[in-house]
C-alpha atoms as a PDB file:
ATOM      1  CA  MET A   1      83.883  24.829  -4.715  1.00  0.00           C
ATOM      2  CA  THR A   2      86.705  26.949  -5.825  1.00  0.00           C
ATOM      3  CA  GLN A   3      87.851  30.569  -5.282  1.00  0.00           C
ATOM      4  CA  ARG A   4      89.169  32.608  -8.125  1.00  0.00           C
ATOM      5  CA  HIS A   5      91.772  35.247  -7.279  1.00  0.00           C
ATOM      6  CA  GLU A   6      93.396  37.999  -9.235  1.00  0.00           C
ATOM      7  CA  THR A   7      96.617  37.216 -11.168  1.00  0.00           C
ATOM      8  CA  ASP A   8      99.667  37.617  -8.988  1.00  0.00           C
ATOM      9  CA  LYS A   9     102.115  38.786 -11.754  1.00  0.00           C
ATOM     10  CA  PRO A  10     101.249  40.468 -14.940  1.00  0.00           C
ATOM     11  CA  SER A  11     101.872  37.996 -17.887  1.00  0.00           C
ATOM     12  CA  GLY A  12     101.276  39.990 -20.943  1.00  0.00           C
ATOM     13  CA  GLY A  13      99.187  37.311 -22.599  1.00  0.00           C
ATOM     14  CA  ALA A  14     101.815  34.755 -22.084  1.00  0.00           C
ATOM     15  CA  GLU A  15     100.699  30.920 -22.780  1.00  0.00           C
ATOM     16  CA  PRO A  16     100.086  28.610 -19.774  1.00  0.00           C
ATOM     17  CA  ALA A  17     103.005  26.105 -19.201  1.00  0.00           C
ATOM     18  CA  LEU A  18     102.625  24.427 -15.780  1.00  0.00           C
ATOM     19  CA  VAL A  19      99.691  23.636 -13.360  1.00  0.00           C
ATOM     20  CA  ALA A  20     101.502  24.045 -10.050  1.00  0.00           C
ATOM     21  CA  LEU A  21     100.087  22.857  -6.799  1.00  0.00           C
ATOM     22  CA  ASP A  22     101.123  23.620  -3.321  1.00  0.00           C
ATOM     23  CA  TRP A  23      99.127  20.976  -1.258  1.00  0.00           C
ATOM     24  CA  GLY A  24      99.655  20.812   2.378  1.00  0.00           C
ATOM     25  CA  THR A  25      98.046  19.445   5.543  1.00  0.00           C
ATOM     26  CA  THR A  26      95.378  22.279   5.918  1.00  0.00           C
ATOM     27  CA  SER A  27      95.383  24.281   2.769  1.00  0.00           C
ATOM     28  CA  PHE A  28      95.482  23.764  -1.151  1.00  0.00           C
ATOM     29  CA  ARG A  29      96.751  26.337  -3.476  1.00  0.00           C
ATOM     30  CA  ALA A  30      96.704  25.920  -7.355  1.00  0.00           C
ATOM     31  CA  PHE A  31      98.348  28.085  -9.870  1.00  0.00           C
ATOM     32  CA  LEU A  32      98.250  28.273 -13.652  1.00  0.00           C
ATOM     33  CA  LEU A  33     101.930  29.413 -14.627  1.00  0.00           C
ATOM     34  CA  ASP A  34     103.316  30.518 -17.813  1.00  0.00           C
ATOM     35  CA  ALA A  35     106.952  29.604 -18.720  1.00  0.00           C
ATOM     36  CA  LYS A  36     108.564  32.448 -16.752  1.00  0.00           C
ATOM     37  CA  GLY A  37     106.609  31.864 -13.535  1.00  0.00           C
ATOM     38  CA  GLY A  38     103.674  34.341 -14.185  1.00  0.00           C
ATOM     39  CA  VAL A  39     100.509  33.469 -12.352  1.00  0.00           C
ATOM     40  CA  LEU A  40      97.821  33.418 -15.016  1.00  0.00           C
ATOM     41  CA  ASP A  41      95.094  32.168 -12.728  1.00  0.00           C
ATOM     42  CA  ARG A  42      94.951  30.883  -9.103  1.00  0.00           C
ATOM     43  CA  ARG A  43      92.762  28.783  -6.911  1.00  0.00           C
ATOM     44  CA  ASP A  44      92.872  28.683  -2.951  1.00  0.00           C
ATOM     45  CA  GLU A  45      90.934  25.961  -1.111  1.00  0.00           C
ATOM     46  CA  PRO A  46      90.655  24.874   2.401  1.00  0.00           C
ATOM     47  CA  MET A  47      91.250  21.450   1.273  1.00  0.00           C
ATOM     48  CA  GLY A  48      94.426  20.238   2.790  1.00  0.00           C
ATOM     49  CA  ILE A  49      95.133  16.455   2.920  1.00  0.00           C
ATOM     50  CA  LEU A  50      93.348  16.020   6.163  1.00  0.00           C
ATOM     51  CA  LYS A  51      90.194  17.903   5.021  1.00  0.00           C
ATOM     52  CA  VAL A  52      89.550  15.887   1.808  1.00  0.00           C
ATOM     53  CA  PRO A  53      86.204  14.007   2.213  1.00  0.00           C
ATOM     54  CA  GLY A  54      87.021  10.130   1.908  1.00  0.00           C
ATOM     55  CA  GLY A  55      90.604  10.995   0.938  1.00  0.00           C
ATOM     56  CA  ASP A  56      89.315  11.621  -2.681  1.00  0.00           C
ATOM     57  CA  PHE A  57      92.240  13.682  -3.949  1.00  0.00           C
ATOM     58  CA  ASP A  58      91.475  13.016  -7.450  1.00  0.00           C
ATOM     59  CA  ALA A  59      87.962  14.674  -7.200  1.00  0.00           C
ATOM     60  CA  VAL A  60      89.557  17.711  -5.541  1.00  0.00           C
ATOM     61  CA  PHE A  61      92.115  17.995  -8.190  1.00  0.00           C
ATOM     62  CA  THR A  62      89.742  17.733 -11.020  1.00  0.00           C
ATOM     63  CA  ALA A  63      87.269  20.138  -9.410  1.00  0.00           C
ATOM     64  CA  VAL A  64      89.963  22.809  -9.143  1.00  0.00           C
ATOM     65  CA  THR A  65      91.915  22.315 -12.498  1.00  0.00           C
ATOM     66  CA  GLU A  66      89.297  21.240 -15.007  1.00  0.00           C
ATOM     67  CA  ARG A  67      88.583  24.591 -16.104  1.00  0.00           C
ATOM     68  CA  TRP A  68      92.313  25.082 -17.054  1.00  0.00           C
ATOM     69  CA  TYR A  69      92.402  21.902 -18.991  1.00  0.00           C
ATOM     70  CA  ALA A  70      89.191  22.529 -20.863  1.00  0.00           C
ATOM     71  CA  ALA A  71      90.540  25.881 -21.861  1.00  0.00           C
ATOM     72  CA  HIS A  72      94.171  24.915 -22.758  1.00  0.00           C
ATOM     73  CA  GLY A  73      94.336  21.223 -23.437  1.00  0.00           C
ATOM     74  CA  ALA A  74      97.028  18.891 -22.009  1.00  0.00           C
ATOM     75  CA  LEU A  75      99.566  20.496 -19.485  1.00  0.00           C
ATOM     76  CA  PRO A  76     102.120  19.102 -17.138  1.00  0.00           C
ATOM     77  CA  ALA A  77     101.035  19.327 -13.535  1.00  0.00           C
ATOM     78  CA  LEU A  78     103.494  19.368 -10.542  1.00  0.00           C
ATOM     79  CA  ALA A  79     102.502  19.220  -6.753  1.00  0.00           C
ATOM     80  CA  SER A  80     104.652  19.652  -3.558  1.00  0.00           C
ATOM     81  CA  GLY A  81     103.754  19.290   0.005  1.00  0.00           C
ATOM     82  CA  MET A  82     102.173  16.633   2.147  1.00  0.00           C
ATOM     83  CA  ILE A  83     100.098  15.408  -0.771  1.00  0.00           C
ATOM     84  CA  GLY A  84     103.187  13.359  -1.356  1.00  0.00           C
ATOM     85  CA  SER A  85     103.245  11.961   2.269  1.00  0.00           C
ATOM     86  CA  ARG A  86     102.138   8.634   3.449  1.00  0.00           C
ATOM     87  CA  GLN A  87      98.734  10.243   4.148  1.00  0.00           C
ATOM     88  CA  GLY A  88      98.532  11.808   0.859  1.00  0.00           C
ATOM     89  CA  TRP A  89      97.543  10.700  -2.721  1.00  0.00           C
ATOM     90  CA  VAL A  90     100.755   8.712  -3.301  1.00  0.00           C
ATOM     91  CA  GLU A  91     103.840   8.571  -1.328  1.00  0.00           C
ATOM     92  CA  ALA A  92     106.721  10.265  -3.005  1.00  0.00           C
ATOM     93  CA  PRO A  93     109.843   8.647  -1.273  1.00  0.00           C
ATOM     94  CA  TYR A  94     112.211  11.094   0.324  1.00  0.00           C
ATOM     95  CA  CYS A  95     115.285  12.287  -1.572  1.00  0.00           C
ATOM     96  CA  PRO A  96     118.380  12.181   0.650  1.00  0.00           C
ATOM     97  CA  CYS A  97     120.604  15.137   1.326  1.00  0.00           C
ATOM     98  CA  PRO A  98     122.489  16.757  -0.251  1.00  0.00           C
ATOM     99  CA  ALA A  99     119.484  17.536  -2.568  1.00  0.00           C
ATOM    100  CA  GLY A 100     118.759  20.203  -5.104  1.00  0.00           C
ATOM    101  CA  ALA A 101     116.330  20.844  -7.974  1.00  0.00           C
ATOM    102  CA  GLU A 102     117.879  18.441 -10.275  1.00  0.00           C
ATOM    103  CA  ASP A 103     117.877  15.590  -7.673  1.00  0.00           C
ATOM    104  CA  LEU A 104     114.234  16.221  -6.862  1.00  0.00           C
ATOM    105  CA  GLY A 105     113.422  16.262 -10.480  1.00  0.00           C
ATOM    106  CA  ARG A 106     114.848  12.824 -10.995  1.00  0.00           C
ATOM    107  CA  ARG A 107     112.687  11.417  -8.212  1.00  0.00           C
ATOM    108  CA  LEU A 108     109.063  12.679  -9.003  1.00  0.00           C
ATOM    109  CA  ALA A 109     106.304  10.311  -8.096  1.00  0.00           C
ATOM    110  CA  PRO A 110     103.768  10.002 -10.968  1.00  0.00           C
ATOM    111  CA  VAL A 111     100.004   9.942 -10.799  1.00  0.00           C
ATOM    112  CA  ARG A 112      97.539   9.176 -13.478  1.00  0.00           C
ATOM    113  CA  THR A 113      94.198  10.972 -12.755  1.00  0.00           C
ATOM    114  CA  GLN A 114      90.829   9.423 -13.630  1.00  0.00           C
ATOM    115  CA  ALA A 115      90.443  12.256 -16.190  1.00  0.00           C
ATOM    116  CA  GLY A 116      93.582  11.009 -17.986  1.00  0.00           C
ATOM    117  CA  HIS A 117      95.721  13.917 -16.768  1.00  0.00           C
ATOM    118  CA  SER A 118      99.384  13.378 -15.683  1.00  0.00           C
ATOM    119  CA  LEU A 119     100.491  14.684 -12.393  1.00  0.00           C
ATOM    120  CA  ARG A 120     103.790  14.408 -10.623  1.00  0.00           C
ATOM    121  CA  ILE A 121     104.701  14.847  -7.008  1.00  0.00           C
ATOM    122  CA  VAL A 122     107.862  16.320  -5.636  1.00  0.00           C
ATOM    123  CA  PRO A 123     109.478  14.260  -3.044  1.00  0.00           C
ATOM    124  CA  GLY A 124     110.391  15.544   0.384  1.00  0.00           C
ATOM    125  CA  VAL A 125     114.038  15.497   1.563  1.00  0.00           C
ATOM    126  CA  SER A 126     115.553  13.346   4.367  1.00  0.00           C
ATOM    127  CA  ARG A 127     118.629  13.725   6.584  1.00  0.00           C
ATOM    128  CA  ASP A 128     119.923  10.526   8.059  1.00  0.00           C
ATOM    129  CA  SER A 129     123.441  11.286   9.604  1.00  0.00           C
ATOM    130  CA  PRO A 130     125.304   8.806  11.572  1.00  0.00           C
ATOM    131  CA  GLY A 131     124.722   8.997  15.445  1.00  0.00           C
ATOM    132  CA  GLU A 132     121.809  11.262  14.917  1.00  0.00           C
ATOM    133  CA  ALA A 133     117.989  10.714  14.676  1.00  0.00           C
ATOM    134  CA  PRO A 134     116.665  11.053  11.132  1.00  0.00           C
ATOM    135  CA  ASP A 135     115.011  14.283  10.068  1.00  0.00           C
ATOM    136  CA  VAL A 136     112.585  15.054   7.139  1.00  0.00           C
ATOM    137  CA  MET A 137     110.926  17.946   5.542  1.00  0.00           C
ATOM    138  CA  ARG A 138     108.108  17.935   2.713  1.00  0.00           C
ATOM    139  CA  GLY A 139     107.303  21.164   0.978  1.00  0.00           C
ATOM    140  CA  GLU A 140     110.067  23.254   2.373  1.00  0.00           C
ATOM    141  CA  GLU A 141     112.377  21.667  -0.379  1.00  0.00           C
ATOM    142  CA  THR A 142     110.413  23.352  -2.863  1.00  0.00           C
ATOM    143  CA  GLN A 143     110.616  26.681  -1.361  1.00  0.00           C
ATOM    144  CA  ILE A 144     114.406  26.368  -1.147  1.00  0.00           C
ATOM    145  CA  ALA A 145     114.384  25.671  -4.732  1.00  0.00           C
ATOM    146  CA  GLY A 146     112.526  28.915  -5.304  1.00  0.00           C
ATOM    147  CA  ALA A 147     115.040  30.906  -3.129  1.00  0.00           C
ATOM    148  CA  VAL A 148     117.920  29.161  -5.320  1.00  0.00           C
ATOM    149  CA  ALA A 149     115.979  30.241  -8.426  1.00  0.00           C
ATOM    150  CA  ALA A 150     115.889  33.798  -7.248  1.00  0.00           C
ATOM    151  CA  GLY A 151     119.804  33.803  -6.966  1.00  0.00           C
ATOM    152  CA  GLN A 152     120.510  32.558  -3.408  1.00  0.00           C
ATOM    153  CA  ARG A 153     122.525  29.613  -3.812  1.00  0.00           C
ATOM    154  CA  ASP A 154     124.449  29.593  -0.502  1.00  0.00           C
ATOM    155  CA  GLY A 155     123.210  30.497   3.119  1.00  0.00           C
ATOM    156  CA  LEU A 156     121.145  29.632   6.009  1.00  0.00           C
ATOM    157  CA  PHE A 157     117.372  29.568   5.847  1.00  0.00           C
ATOM    158  CA  VAL A 158     114.760  29.746   8.598  1.00  0.00           C
ATOM    159  CA  MET A 159     111.473  28.451   7.768  1.00  0.00           C
ATOM    160  CA  PRO A 160     108.789  29.124  10.553  1.00  0.00           C
ATOM    161  CA  GLY A 161     105.754  27.108  11.065  1.00  0.00           C
ATOM    162  CA  THR A 162     104.254  24.362  12.895  1.00  0.00           C
ATOM    163  CA  HIS A 163     107.621  22.486  12.548  1.00  0.00           C
ATOM    164  CA  SER A 164     110.191  25.064  11.938  1.00  0.00           C
ATOM    165  CA  LYS A 165     113.210  24.224   9.855  1.00  0.00           C
ATOM    166  CA  TRP A 166     116.743  25.601   9.747  1.00  0.00           C
ATOM    167  CA  VAL A 167     118.209  24.699   6.521  1.00  0.00           C
ATOM    168  CA  GLU A 168     121.844  25.041   5.311  1.00  0.00           C
ATOM    169  CA  VAL A 169     122.261  25.527   1.428  1.00  0.00           C
ATOM    170  CA  ARG A 170     125.517  25.321  -0.539  1.00  0.00           C
ATOM    171  CA  ASP A 171     125.831  25.616  -4.339  1.00  0.00           C
ATOM    172  CA  GLY A 172     122.048  25.254  -4.676  1.00  0.00           C
ATOM    173  CA  ARG A 173     121.626  22.111  -2.716  1.00  0.00           C
ATOM    174  CA  ILE A 174     120.222  21.375   0.775  1.00  0.00           C
ATOM    175  CA  GLN A 175     123.224  20.053   2.640  1.00  0.00           C
ATOM    176  CA  TRP A 176     121.669  19.800   6.149  1.00  0.00           C
ATOM    177  CA  PHE A 177     118.688  20.907   7.955  1.00  0.00           C
ATOM    178  CA  ALA A 178     116.964  20.469  11.396  1.00  0.00           C
ATOM    179  CA  THR A 179     113.385  20.605  12.525  1.00  0.00           C
ATOM    180  CA  PHE A 180     112.074  22.368  15.619  1.00  0.00           C
ATOM    181  CA  MET A 181     108.422  21.675  16.837  1.00  0.00           C
ATOM    182  CA  THR A 182     108.076  25.211  17.906  1.00  0.00           C
ATOM    183  CA  GLY A 183     104.777  26.035  16.363  1.00  0.00           C
ATOM    184  CA  GLU A 184     103.148  22.742  17.364  1.00  0.00           C
ATOM    185  CA  VAL A 185     104.385  23.021  20.948  1.00  0.00           C
ATOM    186  CA  PHE A 186     103.038  26.483  21.075  1.00  0.00           C
ATOM    187  CA  ALA A 187      99.572  25.404  20.024  1.00  0.00           C
ATOM    188  CA  VAL A 188      99.490  22.550  22.360  1.00  0.00           C
ATOM    189  CA  LEU A 189     100.607  24.551  25.302  1.00  0.00           C
ATOM    190  CA  CYS A 190      98.060  27.349  24.499  1.00  0.00           C
ATOM    191  CA  GLN A 191      95.159  24.970  23.729  1.00  0.00           C
ATOM    192  CA  HIS A 192      95.725  21.997  25.935  1.00  0.00           C
ATOM    193  CA  SER A 193      97.699  23.018  29.030  1.00  0.00           C
ATOM    194  CA  ILE A 194      97.176  24.964  32.149  1.00  0.00           C
ATOM    195  CA  LEU A 195      99.208  27.909  30.489  1.00  0.00           C
ATOM    196  CA  GLY A 196      96.357  28.688  28.298  1.00  0.00           C
ATOM    197  CA  ARG A 197      93.743  29.149  30.915  1.00  0.00           C
ATOM    198  CA  LEU A 198      94.816  32.837  31.624  1.00  0.00           C
ATOM    199  CA  MET A 199      95.408  33.832  28.080  1.00  0.00           C
ATOM    200  CA  ALA A 200      93.150  36.243  26.163  1.00  0.00           C
ATOM    201  CA  ASP A 201      92.991  36.172  22.377  1.00  0.00           C
ATOM    202  CA  GLU A 202      95.233  38.357  20.485  1.00  0.00           C
ATOM    203  CA  ASP A 203      94.682  40.282  17.389  1.00  0.00           C
ATOM    204  CA  ALA A 204      94.687  38.344  14.006  1.00  0.00           C
ATOM    205  CA  GLY A 205      97.789  40.248  13.050  1.00  0.00           C
ATOM    206  CA  GLY A 206     100.016  38.035  15.119  1.00  0.00           C
ATOM    207  CA  GLY A 207     100.224  40.315  17.997  1.00  0.00           C
ATOM    208  CA  ARG A 208     102.459  43.071  16.397  1.00  0.00           C
ATOM    209  CA  GLY A 209     101.230  46.486  17.824  1.00  0.00           C
ATOM    210  CA  ALA A 210      98.052  45.325  19.357  1.00  0.00           C
ATOM    211  CA  GLY A 211      96.903  44.689  22.868  1.00  0.00           C
ATOM    212  CA  GLU A 212      97.918  47.533  25.321  1.00  0.00           C
ATOM    213  CA  GLY A 213      97.677  46.212  28.864  1.00  0.00           C
ATOM    214  CA  ARG A 214      98.845  46.334  32.405  1.00  0.00           C
ATOM    215  CA  GLY A 215     102.398  44.944  31.294  1.00  0.00           C
ATOM    216  CA  GLY A 216     102.676  47.033  28.179  1.00  0.00           C
ATOM    217  CA  THR A 217     102.279  45.954  24.522  1.00  0.00           C
ATOM    218  CA  GLN A 218     102.341  42.621  23.061  1.00  0.00           C
ATOM    219  CA  GLU A 219     105.779  43.484  21.623  1.00  0.00           C
ATOM    220  CA  ASP A 220     106.897  44.063  25.040  1.00  0.00           C
ATOM    221  CA  ALA A 221     105.637  40.643  26.114  1.00  0.00           C
ATOM    222  CA  PHE A 222     107.376  38.934  23.231  1.00  0.00           C
ATOM    223  CA  ALA A 223     110.603  40.620  23.913  1.00  0.00           C
ATOM    224  CA  ARG A 224     110.311  39.553  27.664  1.00  0.00           C
ATOM    225  CA  GLY A 225     109.769  35.900  26.436  1.00  0.00           C
ATOM    226  CA  LEU A 226     112.893  36.246  24.293  1.00  0.00           C
ATOM    227  CA  ALA A 227     114.924  37.182  27.493  1.00  0.00           C
ATOM    228  CA  ALA A 228     113.519  34.322  29.346  1.00  0.00           C
ATOM    229  CA  ALA A 229     114.444  31.817  26.685  1.00  0.00           C
ATOM    230  CA  GLY A 230     118.047  31.647  27.962  1.00  0.00           C
ATOM    231  CA  GLY A 231     117.218  29.675  31.153  1.00  0.00           C
ATOM    232  CA  PRO A 232     116.126  26.182  31.738  1.00  0.00           C
ATOM    233  CA  LEU A 233     112.981  26.021  29.448  1.00  0.00           C
ATOM    234  CA  LEU A 234     110.947  23.313  31.409  1.00  0.00           C
ATOM    235  CA  HIS A 235     111.131  25.747  34.379  1.00  0.00           C
ATOM    236  CA  ALA A 236     110.673  28.911  32.497  1.00  0.00           C
ATOM    237  CA  LEU A 237     107.586  27.754  30.700  1.00  0.00           C
ATOM    238  CA  PHE A 238     105.712  27.876  34.008  1.00  0.00           C
ATOM    239  CA  SER A 239     106.257  31.595  34.267  1.00  0.00           C
ATOM    240  CA  ALA A 240     103.754  31.946  31.475  1.00  0.00           C
ATOM    241  CA  ARG A 241     101.189  31.264  34.022  1.00  0.00           C
ATOM    242  CA  THR A 242     102.721  32.762  37.125  1.00  0.00           C
ATOM    243  CA  LEU A 243     103.217  36.172  35.602  1.00  0.00           C
ATOM    244  CA  GLY A 244      99.555  36.253  34.735  1.00  0.00           C
ATOM    245  CA  LEU A 245      98.645  35.016  38.312  1.00  0.00           C
ATOM    246  CA  PHE A 246     100.669  37.910  39.807  1.00  0.00           C
ATOM    247  CA  GLU A 247      99.410  40.472  37.274  1.00  0.00           C
ATOM    248  CA  ARG A 248     103.075  41.047  35.985  1.00  0.00           C
ATOM    249  CA  LEU A 249     101.742  40.447  32.342  1.00  0.00           C
ATOM    250  CA  PRO A 250      98.150  41.156  31.067  1.00  0.00           C
ATOM    251  CA  PRO A 251      96.011  38.344  29.835  1.00  0.00           C
ATOM    252  CA  GLU A 252      96.518  39.500  26.230  1.00  0.00           C
ATOM    253  CA  GLY A 253     100.298  39.422  26.523  1.00  0.00           C
ATOM    254  CA  LEU A 254     100.555  36.001  27.724  1.00  0.00           C
ATOM    255  CA  ARG A 255     100.413  34.372  24.138  1.00  0.00           C
ATOM    256  CA  SER A 256     103.162  36.741  22.978  1.00  0.00           C
ATOM    257  CA  TYR A 257     105.452  36.013  26.102  1.00  0.00           C
ATOM    258  CA  LEU A 258     105.135  32.293  25.363  1.00  0.00           C
ATOM    259  CA  SER A 259     105.588  32.761  21.834  1.00  0.00           C
ATOM    260  CA  GLY A 260     108.830  34.750  22.460  1.00  0.00           C
ATOM    261  CA  MET A 261     110.216  32.016  24.770  1.00  0.00           C
ATOM    262  CA  LEU A 262     109.720  29.352  22.474  1.00  0.00           C
ATOM    263  CA  ILE A 263     111.055  31.123  19.456  1.00  0.00           C
ATOM    264  CA  GLY A 264     114.043  32.434  21.487  1.00  0.00           C
ATOM    265  CA  ALA A 265     114.795  28.785  22.688  1.00  0.00           C
ATOM    266  CA  GLU A 266     114.615  27.644  19.015  1.00  0.00           C
ATOM    267  CA  ILE A 267     117.039  30.129  17.901  1.00  0.00           C
ATOM    268  CA  LEU A 268     119.496  29.284  20.824  1.00  0.00           C
ATOM    269  CA  GLN A 269     119.303  25.527  20.035  1.00  0.00           C
ATOM    270  CA  ALA A 270     119.586  26.029  16.322  1.00  0.00           C
ATOM    271  CA  ARG A 271     122.718  28.353  16.755  1.00  0.00           C
ATOM    272  CA  GLU A 272     124.368  25.604  19.232  1.00  0.00           C
ATOM    273  CA  THR A 273     123.594  22.884  16.710  1.00  0.00           C
ATOM    274  CA  LEU A 274     125.081  24.927  13.804  1.00  0.00           C
ATOM    275  CA  ALA A 275     128.168  25.758  15.764  1.00  0.00           C
ATOM    276  CA  ARG A 276     128.828  21.923  16.545  1.00  0.00           C
ATOM    277  CA  ARG A 277     128.894  21.651  12.649  1.00  0.00           C
ATOM    278  CA  GLY A 278     131.304  24.629  12.484  1.00  0.00           C
ATOM    279  CA  THR A 279     128.633  26.912  11.022  1.00  0.00           C
ATOM    280  CA  GLU A 280     128.286  30.516  12.445  1.00  0.00           C
ATOM    281  CA  ALA A 281     124.636  31.881  12.210  1.00  0.00           C
ATOM    282  CA  ARG A 282     125.459  35.460  11.412  1.00  0.00           C
ATOM    283  CA  ARG A 283     122.829  35.941   8.599  1.00  0.00           C
ATOM    284  CA  VAL A 284     119.638  34.030   7.624  1.00  0.00           C
ATOM    285  CA  THR A 285     116.852  34.314   5.080  1.00  0.00           C
ATOM    286  CA  ILE A 286     113.406  33.811   6.467  1.00  0.00           C
ATOM    287  CA  VAL A 287     110.950  31.867   4.277  1.00  0.00           C
ATOM    288  CA  GLY A 288     107.404  32.247   5.667  1.00  0.00           C
ATOM    289  CA  GLY A 289     104.183  34.367   6.032  1.00  0.00           C
ATOM    290  CA  ALA A 290     104.644  38.008   6.779  1.00  0.00           C
ATOM    291  CA  ALA A 291     103.194  38.188  10.467  1.00  0.00           C
ATOM    292  CA  LEU A 292     105.429  35.088  11.579  1.00  0.00           C
ATOM    293  CA  ALA A 293     108.246  36.186   9.497  1.00  0.00           C
ATOM    294  CA  ALA A 294     108.285  39.554  11.208  1.00  0.00           C
ATOM    295  CA  ARG A 295     108.321  38.012  14.623  1.00  0.00           C
ATOM    296  CA  TYR A 296     111.247  35.787  13.759  1.00  0.00           C
ATOM    297  CA  ALA A 297     113.037  38.808  12.450  1.00  0.00           C
ATOM    298  CA  ASP A 298     112.616  40.478  15.836  1.00  0.00           C
ATOM    299  CA  ALA A 299     113.697  37.426  17.689  1.00  0.00           C
ATOM    300  CA  LEU A 300     116.637  37.094  15.325  1.00  0.00           C
ATOM    301  CA  ALA A 301     117.834  40.738  15.810  1.00  0.00           C
ATOM    302  CA  HIS A 302     117.521  40.184  19.615  1.00  0.00           C
ATOM    303  CA  ALA A 303     120.041  37.278  19.151  1.00  0.00           C
ATOM    304  CA  GLY A 304     122.244  39.603  17.083  1.00  0.00           C
ATOM    305  CA  ILE A 305     121.538  37.679  13.817  1.00  0.00           C
ATOM    306  CA  GLU A 306     120.936  39.582  10.473  1.00  0.00           C
ATOM    307  CA  ALA A 307     117.834  38.606   8.773  1.00  0.00           C
ATOM    308  CA  ALA A 308     116.285  39.182   5.266  1.00  0.00           C
ATOM    309  CA  THR A 309     112.969  37.731   3.913  1.00  0.00           C
ATOM    310  CA  ALA A 310     112.518  35.528   0.824  1.00  0.00           C
ATOM    311  CA  PRO A 311     110.089  36.484  -1.859  1.00  0.00           C
ATOM    312  CA  GLU A 312     106.527  35.441  -1.568  1.00  0.00           C
ATOM    313  CA  THR A 313     106.832  33.679  -4.776  1.00  0.00           C
ATOM    314  CA  VAL A 314     109.280  31.007  -3.731  1.00  0.00           C
ATOM    315  CA  THR A 315     106.753  28.137  -3.878  1.00  0.00           C
ATOM    316  CA  THR A 316     105.822  28.761  -7.445  1.00  0.00           C
ATOM    317  CA  ASP A 317     109.273  29.663  -8.487  1.00  0.00           C
ATOM    318  CA  GLY A 318     110.598  26.440  -6.819  1.00  0.00           C
ATOM    319  CA  LEU A 319     107.747  24.306  -8.677  1.00  0.00           C
ATOM    320  CA  LEU A 320     108.902  25.921 -11.912  1.00  0.00           C
ATOM    321  CA  LEU A 321     112.632  25.188 -11.390  1.00  0.00           C
ATOM    322  CA  ILE A 322     111.806  21.539 -10.360  1.00  0.00           C
ATOM    323  CA  ALA A 323     109.565  21.228 -13.510  1.00  0.00           C
ATOM    324  CA  ARG A 324     112.350  22.502 -15.709  1.00  0.00           C
ATOM    325  CA  ALA A 325     114.952  20.180 -14.126  1.00  0.00           C
ATOM    326  CA  ALA A 326     112.544  17.229 -14.654  1.00  0.00           C
ATOM    327  CA  GLY A 327     112.069  18.249 -18.316  1.00  0.00           C
ATOM    328  CA  LEU A 328     108.308  18.848 -17.788  1.00  0.00           C
ATOM    329  CA  ILE A 329     108.592  22.319 -19.439  1.00  0.00           C
ATOM    330  CA  GLY A 330     111.559  23.866 -21.482  1.00  0.00           C
ATOM    331  CA  ARG A 331     114.402  25.652 -19.859  1.00  0.00           C
END
């Protein structure tokens, strides 16, 4: 069932300290960490919470981790992500803003596995401000904790994905955040609307540097989408069809054009929302996969916003910090 991967960080013979799980909707990553965050072993599985047969999360957990427990005995285990949602193993109630690692560590949801192991699940974070619709995150709070552990205790974070998050952090705690359904809307429009009928598949690299066509490269199409984002969005969206019909963009550029338009609209709306809070978006840190982070960096530069990229280890660093805050491992 499991796949073994090479150690991510050299650990110099360090002893295991924590079983750390990143368990989302579509994927499941498990890490055996030492006390400094070194990855001693790792498993990656296509076993997100919606893909677990019969919802038997206990069986998946056991299959992935039993070798570690057999070799090292009792170890604390900590999981973050949608495994703590209402559709997951147990629901870990949301921790309200402002929230940092200490707050999360006090609200861990306990699970006792059938094999007798103790697992704790990190709660998500909620924001329920007067006069506004509530907002929630689950999994991103752990990545923010990892960025804080790396020394970034203040700033704005952009977390691209199916449900993109913009997060304001002060003194190591999440003070405010907002969700934008950019990724999900993009997928729905490409797969289930007339806009997708003329689109050709792009290269797996996220469209960067691929697909020369009549309208230029996919980067050109993406930039054109960014420029179109400033107008009325519901009207502008239809241009992702008409530019193809009139051969102003090639089929392999239409997805990038639509992506640019939606990401550009997200940035504009996020900037306006932050401005109403008295926060100016001058510099942000992107937390995400390399291909999508690169696209967001291009889009942010187009908007005049300086962007840096968080380390790839933010999830494991965050789990380690929360485990320390909860007293699961030594500081």
